[in-house]
Protein backbone atom coordinates (compact mmCIF):
# COMPACT_ATOMS: atom_id res chain seq x y z
CA MET A 1 63.97 -56.51 135.05
CA THR A 2 61.80 -53.81 133.74
CA ARG A 3 58.20 -53.77 134.44
CA LEU A 4 55.78 -52.66 131.77
CA ALA A 5 52.92 -50.46 132.71
CA PRO A 6 49.53 -52.10 132.29
CA THR A 7 47.91 -51.09 129.02
CA THR A 8 44.49 -49.61 128.73
CA LEU A 9 43.90 -50.85 125.21
CA GLY A 10 41.11 -53.21 126.32
CA ASP A 11 39.52 -50.44 128.39
CA GLU A 12 39.55 -48.10 125.39
CA ARG A 13 37.83 -50.69 123.19
CA GLY A 14 35.14 -51.21 125.80
CA LEU A 15 34.66 -47.47 126.09
CA ALA A 16 34.38 -47.13 122.29
CA LEU A 17 31.74 -49.87 122.15
CA GLU A 18 29.83 -48.22 124.96
CA ARG A 19 29.88 -44.87 123.14
CA ALA A 20 28.71 -46.52 119.92
CA ALA A 21 25.83 -48.17 121.76
CA VAL A 22 24.80 -44.86 123.33
CA TRP A 23 24.91 -43.13 119.93
CA LEU A 24 22.84 -45.88 118.31
CA LEU A 25 20.28 -45.69 121.09
CA THR A 26 20.13 -41.90 120.75
CA LEU A 27 19.68 -42.13 116.97
CA ALA A 28 16.90 -44.70 117.37
CA LEU A 29 15.12 -42.46 119.89
CA VAL A 30 15.41 -39.40 117.62
CA ALA A 31 14.09 -41.43 114.65
CA ALA A 32 11.12 -42.66 116.70
CA VAL A 33 10.22 -39.14 117.83
CA ALA A 34 10.58 -37.77 114.28
CA GLY A 35 8.40 -40.56 112.89
CA SER A 36 5.63 -39.94 115.40
CA VAL A 37 5.73 -36.20 114.72
CA VAL A 38 5.39 -36.85 110.99
CA LEU A 39 2.39 -39.14 111.52
CA VAL A 40 0.63 -36.71 113.86
CA ALA A 41 1.43 -33.74 111.63
CA ASP A 42 -0.11 -35.51 108.63
CA GLU A 43 -3.42 -35.90 110.48
CA VAL A 44 -3.36 -32.34 111.80
CA ARG A 45 -2.41 -30.91 108.40
CA ARG A 46 -5.53 -32.27 106.68
CA THR A 47 -8.31 -29.76 107.08
CA THR A 48 -11.23 -32.20 106.91
CA PRO A 49 -11.56 -35.96 107.04
CA GLU A 50 -11.92 -37.73 103.71
CA THR A 51 -14.98 -39.87 104.36
CA GLY A 52 -18.12 -41.20 102.79
CA PHE A 53 -21.50 -41.50 104.49
CA SER A 54 -24.68 -43.22 103.36
CA VAL A 55 -28.23 -42.40 104.44
CA SER A 56 -31.13 -44.85 104.43
CA PHE A 57 -34.75 -44.52 105.50
CA ASP A 58 -37.04 -47.27 106.81
CA ASN A 59 -40.56 -46.10 105.97
CA GLU A 60 -42.22 -48.67 108.27
CA THR A 61 -40.31 -47.73 111.44
CA ARG A 62 -39.75 -44.12 110.28
CA THR A 63 -36.05 -44.30 111.14
CA VAL A 64 -33.12 -42.71 109.37
CA THR A 65 -29.82 -44.58 109.52
CA VAL A 66 -26.60 -42.75 108.75
CA ALA A 67 -23.59 -45.01 108.14
CA HIS A 68 -19.91 -44.16 107.92
CA ALA A 69 -19.44 -45.95 104.60
CA ASP A 70 -15.74 -45.48 103.87
CA GLY A 71 -12.69 -43.29 104.27
CA ASP A 72 -10.93 -41.83 107.27
CA PRO A 73 -12.13 -42.56 110.79
CA ILE A 74 -13.41 -39.50 112.64
CA THR A 75 -11.05 -39.08 115.59
CA ASP A 76 -10.91 -36.63 118.46
CA ARG A 77 -7.49 -35.32 117.46
CA VAL A 78 -8.84 -32.62 115.12
CA THR A 79 -12.61 -33.08 115.49
CA ARG A 80 -14.72 -31.01 117.86
CA ARG A 81 -18.08 -32.41 116.84
CA LEU A 82 -19.70 -34.74 114.32
CA ALA A 83 -23.44 -34.16 114.03
CA VAL A 84 -26.35 -35.31 111.92
CA VAL A 85 -28.70 -32.47 111.04
CA LEU A 86 -32.27 -33.26 109.95
CA VAL A 87 -34.30 -30.53 108.29
CA ASP A 88 -38.09 -30.85 108.28
CA GLN A 89 -38.86 -29.30 104.89
CA SER A 90 -42.59 -28.84 105.52
CA ALA A 91 -42.18 -26.90 108.78
CA ASP A 92 -38.70 -25.47 108.09
CA THR A 93 -37.51 -26.94 111.41
CA THR A 94 -34.00 -28.20 112.09
CA SER A 95 -32.89 -30.80 114.62
CA ARG A 96 -29.25 -31.60 115.36
CA VAL A 97 -28.16 -34.98 116.75
CA VAL A 98 -24.57 -35.13 118.02
CA TRP A 99 -22.81 -38.36 117.00
CA ALA A 100 -19.38 -37.61 118.51
CA SER A 101 -18.24 -34.59 120.48
CA ASP A 102 -15.52 -33.24 122.72
CA ASP A 103 -16.47 -32.96 126.36
CA PRO A 104 -15.21 -29.94 128.22
CA GLY A 105 -12.46 -30.98 130.57
CA PRO A 106 -8.73 -31.05 131.10
CA THR A 107 -8.04 -33.50 128.27
CA ASP A 108 -10.70 -32.49 125.72
CA ARG A 109 -11.21 -36.18 125.07
CA GLY A 110 -14.70 -36.58 123.78
CA THR A 111 -17.44 -39.16 123.56
CA GLY A 112 -18.35 -41.30 120.60
CA TYR A 113 -14.85 -41.45 119.11
CA PRO A 114 -13.67 -42.90 116.86
CA VAL A 115 -16.43 -43.07 114.24
CA GLU A 116 -15.09 -45.66 111.81
CA PRO A 117 -16.30 -47.20 108.55
CA GLY A 118 -19.21 -49.49 109.38
CA ASP A 119 -20.42 -47.43 112.35
CA THR A 120 -24.04 -46.26 112.19
CA LEU A 121 -26.33 -43.81 113.94
CA THR A 122 -30.07 -44.45 113.83
CA ILE A 123 -32.52 -41.60 114.41
CA ASP A 124 -36.22 -42.19 114.90
CA ASP A 125 -39.46 -40.35 114.37
CA PRO A 126 -40.94 -39.53 117.82
CA THR A 127 -44.48 -40.11 116.55
CA VAL A 128 -43.94 -43.81 115.73
CA ASP A 129 -43.56 -46.63 118.27
CA ALA A 130 -41.62 -48.97 115.98
CA ASP A 131 -41.26 -51.86 118.43
CA GLY A 132 -44.64 -51.58 120.20
CA ASP A 133 -43.22 -51.10 123.71
CA GLU A 134 -45.13 -47.82 124.27
CA ASN A 135 -41.80 -45.96 124.25
CA PHE A 136 -41.65 -43.83 121.13
CA HIS A 137 -37.87 -43.35 121.31
CA ASP A 138 -36.72 -46.60 119.73
CA ALA A 139 -33.36 -45.62 118.23
CA ALA A 140 -30.08 -44.18 119.46
CA ALA A 141 -31.44 -40.66 118.93
CA THR A 142 -34.67 -38.89 118.07
CA VAL A 143 -35.79 -35.63 116.54
CA GLY A 144 -38.66 -33.38 117.53
CA PHE A 145 -40.74 -33.79 114.38
CA HIS A 146 -42.33 -36.33 112.05
CA ILE A 147 -39.70 -37.61 109.57
CA ALA A 148 -41.00 -37.38 106.00
CA THR A 149 -39.53 -38.51 102.69
CA ASP A 150 -38.75 -34.96 101.58
CA ASP A 151 -36.71 -34.10 104.69
CA THR A 152 -32.99 -33.42 104.36
CA VAL A 153 -30.16 -35.14 106.25
CA ARG A 154 -26.69 -33.61 106.53
CA VAL A 155 -23.59 -34.98 108.24
CA VAL A 156 -21.73 -31.96 109.62
CA TRP A 157 -18.13 -32.05 110.88
CA THR A 158 -16.63 -29.28 113.00
CA GLY A 159 -12.92 -29.34 113.74
CA ASN A 160 -9.69 -27.43 113.58
CA ARG A 161 -5.99 -27.70 113.03
CA GLN A 162 -3.73 -27.30 116.03
CA GLY A 163 -4.11 -23.69 117.10
CA GLY A 164 -6.28 -22.83 114.10
CA GLN A 165 -9.81 -21.54 113.79
CA ALA A 166 -12.69 -24.00 114.02
CA ARG A 167 -14.13 -24.99 110.67
CA THR A 168 -17.52 -26.54 109.86
CA VAL A 169 -17.94 -28.69 106.76
CA THR A 170 -20.89 -30.70 105.45
CA LEU A 171 -19.54 -34.20 104.72
CA ALA A 172 -22.80 -35.61 103.33
CA ASN A 173 -26.13 -34.22 102.17
CA ALA A 174 -29.13 -36.41 101.28
CA THR A 175 -32.90 -36.41 101.01
CA VAL A 176 -34.59 -38.96 103.28
CA GLY A 177 -36.81 -40.61 100.67
């Protein structure tokens, strides 16, 4: 009686399935990495955020409120600083209030991020005690001069592409009154 050698046909099928599974897993991993690179590259490629800001003035409390009205959120990926600049037209004085900024450190992760639609920053006049508590700083920030209706408010963004030069752009420009 002749003995037949055991076949490895079942082993080969199992090996082929294992290889197919490894290839599928590798393809899925490559697709995930490529997708994330495309998403990050899109944000880095844009030079400035496409946003809208509104400025309102409360004459009674002498506060200016700047609101992120619509558009892209301001993130720390390409932003170095988002500031509100108030210009006192009568004295030709400028005061800058930082809304969001990178902190120096190993991660360059900043404070105040993200600034999204609906977020606001209120700046008060240091000569008015709006809530009567004898503390004249009643808002999130204050400037060093009396806010008047002819003063100018600018929302200024500073950021850069990966490895590129820093760029400063005025995203909004309004008169207080």
